[in-house]
Amino acid sequence: MEIIKSGKENNLLVVKVTGRMDAVTAPEFEKQLTGWIDEGEIIFVIDFSALEYISSAGLRSILVIAKKLKSLNGKILLANMEESVNEVFEISGFNSIIPVFDTVQTAIRHGMAS
């Protein structure tokens, strides 16, 4: 898995995650985003267009980050999910907990509006 800081739009940090988010790599995701939160970032748009696979450990890490951001009046917005990853979100019900958008631009517009 690779986590790439791909840009910043106003107060939103756009991050691209590639590869697989599983029990081995999910802690890295959590650690990296926690580091950015500690630096003052509180609104994230996560581009999952190149994420091939997500396990329950990956879902858990996203939930941990979402809870941490909520306590800081921040949020995590997910975008551009591959079909197989989106299916995991739908089956697990995560798409009703964490906002999921078709495109990064749509997520950015939503993040800037709220």
C-alpha atoms as a PDB file:
ATOM      1  CA  MET A   1       0.000   0.000   0.000  1.00  0.00           C
ATOM      2  CA  GLU A   2       1.118   3.510  -0.752  1.00  0.00           C
ATOM      3  CA  ILE A   3      -0.300   6.687   0.803  1.00  0.00           C
ATOM      4  CA  ILE A   4       0.320   9.796  -1.274  1.00  0.00           C
ATOM      5  CA  LYS A   5      -0.478  13.355  -0.250  1.00  0.00           C
ATOM      6  CA  SER A   6      -1.826  14.485  -3.606  1.00  0.00           C
ATOM      7  CA  GLY A   7      -2.885  18.039  -2.884  1.00  0.00           C
ATOM      8  CA  LYS A   8      -4.648  20.533  -0.719  1.00  0.00           C
ATOM      9  CA  GLU A   9      -7.824  22.427  -1.558  1.00  0.00           C
ATOM     10  CA  ASN A  10      -8.464  25.215   0.944  1.00  0.00           C
ATOM     11  CA  ASN A  11      -8.635  23.325   4.255  1.00  0.00           C
ATOM     12  CA  LEU A  12      -9.009  19.833   2.733  1.00  0.00           C
ATOM     13  CA  LEU A  13      -6.098  17.438   2.391  1.00  0.00           C
ATOM     14  CA  VAL A  14      -6.454  15.093  -0.604  1.00  0.00           C
ATOM     15  CA  VAL A  15      -4.752  11.724  -0.124  1.00  0.00           C
ATOM     16  CA  LYS A  16      -4.482   8.871  -2.627  1.00  0.00           C
ATOM     17  CA  VAL A  17      -4.252   5.305  -1.323  1.00  0.00           C
ATOM     18  CA  THR A  18      -3.019   2.572  -3.660  1.00  0.00           C
ATOM     19  CA  GLY A  19      -2.667  -1.197  -3.437  1.00  0.00           C
ATOM     20  CA  ARG A  20      -4.168  -3.242  -0.615  1.00  0.00           C
ATOM     21  CA  MET A  21      -5.396  -2.124   2.800  1.00  0.00           C
ATOM     22  CA  ASP A  22      -5.301  -5.206   5.014  1.00  0.00           C
ATOM     23  CA  ALA A  23      -4.088  -6.335   8.443  1.00  0.00           C
ATOM     24  CA  VAL A  24      -0.477  -5.677   7.425  1.00  0.00           C
ATOM     25  CA  THR A  25      -0.936  -2.239   5.826  1.00  0.00           C
ATOM     26  CA  ALA A  26      -3.929  -0.732   7.668  1.00  0.00           C
ATOM     27  CA  PRO A  27      -1.825   0.314  10.705  1.00  0.00           C
ATOM     28  CA  GLU A  28       0.394   2.296   8.312  1.00  0.00           C
ATOM     29  CA  PHE A  29      -2.693   4.147   7.005  1.00  0.00           C
ATOM     30  CA  GLU A  30      -3.808   4.905  10.550  1.00  0.00           C
ATOM     31  CA  LYS A  31      -0.329   6.073  11.587  1.00  0.00           C
ATOM     32  CA  GLN A  32       0.114   8.334   8.546  1.00  0.00           C
ATOM     33  CA  LEU A  33      -3.284  10.010   8.881  1.00  0.00           C
ATOM     34  CA  THR A  34      -2.843  10.398  12.644  1.00  0.00           C
ATOM     35  CA  GLY A  35       0.449  12.174  11.924  1.00  0.00           C
ATOM     36  CA  TRP A  36      -1.293  14.611   9.595  1.00  0.00           C
ATOM     37  CA  ILE A  37      -4.067  15.121  12.180  1.00  0.00           C
ATOM     38  CA  ASP A  38      -1.383  15.914  14.767  1.00  0.00           C
ATOM     39  CA  GLU A  39      -0.049  18.515  12.296  1.00  0.00           C
ATOM     40  CA  GLY A  40      -3.474  20.183  12.239  1.00  0.00           C
ATOM     41  CA  GLU A  41      -5.245  18.561   9.284  1.00  0.00           C
ATOM     42  CA  ILE A  42      -8.877  17.779  10.102  1.00  0.00           C
ATOM     43  CA  ILE A  43     -10.647  17.337   6.756  1.00  0.00           C
ATOM     44  CA  PHE A  44      -9.481  14.547   4.455  1.00  0.00           C
ATOM     45  CA  VAL A  45     -10.605  13.474   0.999  1.00  0.00           C
ATOM     46  CA  ILE A  46      -9.312   9.960   0.396  1.00  0.00           C
ATOM     47  CA  ASP A  47      -8.997   8.934  -3.252  1.00  0.00           C
ATOM     48  CA  PHE A  48      -9.461   5.157  -3.448  1.00  0.00           C
ATOM     49  CA  SER A  49      -9.293   4.909  -7.269  1.00  0.00           C
ATOM     50  CA  ALA A  50      -6.156   2.743  -7.030  1.00  0.00           C
ATOM     51  CA  LEU A  51      -7.118   0.767  -3.915  1.00  0.00           C
ATOM     52  CA  GLU A  52      -7.506  -2.821  -5.101  1.00  0.00           C
ATOM     53  CA  TYR A  53      -8.595  -4.486  -1.863  1.00  0.00           C
ATOM     54  CA  ILE A  54      -9.761  -3.608   1.642  1.00  0.00           C
ATOM     55  CA  SER A  55     -10.166  -6.005   4.575  1.00  0.00           C
ATOM     56  CA  SER A  56     -11.974  -5.601   7.878  1.00  0.00           C
ATOM     57  CA  ALA A  57      -8.694  -4.293   9.322  1.00  0.00           C
ATOM     58  CA  GLY A  58      -8.746  -1.530   6.706  1.00  0.00           C
ATOM     59  CA  LEU A  59     -12.355  -0.683   7.554  1.00  0.00           C
ATOM     60  CA  ARG A  60     -11.428  -0.554  11.220  1.00  0.00           C
ATOM     61  CA  SER A  61      -8.572   1.884  10.544  1.00  0.00           C
ATOM     62  CA  ILE A  62     -10.877   4.161   8.575  1.00  0.00           C
ATOM     63  CA  LEU A  63     -13.378   4.074  11.443  1.00  0.00           C
ATOM     64  CA  VAL A  64     -10.664   4.909  14.004  1.00  0.00           C
ATOM     65  CA  ILE A  65      -9.595   7.916  11.922  1.00  0.00           C
ATOM     66  CA  ALA A  66     -13.215   9.018  11.379  1.00  0.00           C
ATOM     67  CA  LYS A  67     -13.891   8.943  15.130  1.00  0.00           C
ATOM     68  CA  LYS A  68     -10.689  10.860  15.852  1.00  0.00           C
ATOM     69  CA  LEU A  69     -11.631  13.508  13.275  1.00  0.00           C
ATOM     70  CA  LYS A  70     -15.202  13.778  14.558  1.00  0.00           C
ATOM     71  CA  SER A  71     -13.886  14.626  18.025  1.00  0.00           C
ATOM     72  CA  LEU A  72     -11.934  17.500  16.394  1.00  0.00           C
ATOM     73  CA  ASN A  73     -14.929  18.677  14.309  1.00  0.00           C
ATOM     74  CA  GLY A  74     -13.223  17.251  11.244  1.00  0.00           C
ATOM     75  CA  LYS A  75     -14.220  14.573   8.767  1.00  0.00           C
ATOM     76  CA  ILE A  76     -13.069  11.986   6.287  1.00  0.00           C
ATOM     77  CA  LEU A  77     -14.636  11.817   2.838  1.00  0.00           C
ATOM     78  CA  LEU A  78     -13.993   8.863   0.542  1.00  0.00           C
ATOM     79  CA  ALA A  79     -14.001   9.035  -3.249  1.00  0.00           C
ATOM     80  CA  ASN A  80     -13.404   7.126  -6.477  1.00  0.00           C
ATOM     81  CA  MET A  81     -13.830   3.611  -5.117  1.00  0.00           C
ATOM     82  CA  GLU A  82     -13.127   0.634  -7.313  1.00  0.00           C
ATOM     83  CA  GLU A  83     -16.171  -1.632  -7.657  1.00  0.00           C
ATOM     84  CA  SER A  84     -14.817  -4.403  -5.403  1.00  0.00           C
ATOM     85  CA  VAL A  85     -13.893  -1.953  -2.635  1.00  0.00           C
ATOM     86  CA  ASN A  86     -17.254  -0.206  -2.935  1.00  0.00           C
ATOM     87  CA  GLU A  87     -18.963  -3.582  -2.588  1.00  0.00           C
ATOM     88  CA  VAL A  88     -17.173  -4.179   0.738  1.00  0.00           C
ATOM     89  CA  PHE A  89     -18.370  -0.762   1.951  1.00  0.00           C
ATOM     90  CA  GLU A  90     -21.946  -1.507   0.914  1.00  0.00           C
ATOM     91  CA  ILE A  91     -22.033  -5.007   2.434  1.00  0.00           C
ATOM     92  CA  SER A  92     -20.496  -3.800   5.710  1.00  0.00           C
ATOM     93  CA  GLY A  93     -22.792  -0.762   5.887  1.00  0.00           C
ATOM     94  CA  PHE A  94     -19.828   1.608   6.070  1.00  0.00           C
ATOM     95  CA  ASN A  95     -21.181   3.727   3.222  1.00  0.00           C
ATOM     96  CA  SER A  96     -23.993   4.800   5.574  1.00  0.00           C
ATOM     97  CA  ILE A  97     -21.453   5.853   8.246  1.00  0.00           C
ATOM     98  CA  ILE A  98     -18.756   7.530   6.154  1.00  0.00           C
ATOM     99  CA  PRO A  99     -19.578   9.700   3.118  1.00  0.00           C
ATOM    100  CA  VAL A 100     -18.586   8.120  -0.205  1.00  0.00           C
ATOM    101  CA  PHE A 101     -18.478  10.142  -3.436  1.00  0.00           C
ATOM    102  CA  ASP A 102     -18.084   9.183  -7.088  1.00  0.00           C
ATOM    103  CA  THR A 103     -15.271  11.668  -7.700  1.00  0.00           C
ATOM    104  CA  VAL A 104     -12.625  13.506  -5.722  1.00  0.00           C
ATOM    105  CA  GLN A 105     -13.990  16.839  -6.991  1.00  0.00           C
ATOM    106  CA  THR A 106     -17.485  16.028  -5.689  1.00  0.00           C
ATOM    107  CA  ALA A 107     -16.023  15.110  -2.297  1.00  0.00           C
ATOM    108  CA  ILE A 108     -14.007  18.346  -2.231  1.00  0.00           C
ATOM    109  CA  ARG A 109     -17.096  20.426  -3.062  1.00  0.00           C
ATOM    110  CA  HIS A 110     -19.022  18.663  -0.300  1.00  0.00           C
ATOM    111  CA  GLY A 111     -16.180  19.137   2.183  1.00  0.00           C
ATOM    112  CA  MET A 112     -15.872  22.835   1.398  1.00  0.00           C
ATOM    113  CA  ALA A 113     -19.627  23.404   1.664  1.00  0.00           C
ATOM    114  CA  SER A 114     -19.989  21.972   5.146  1.00  0.00           C
END
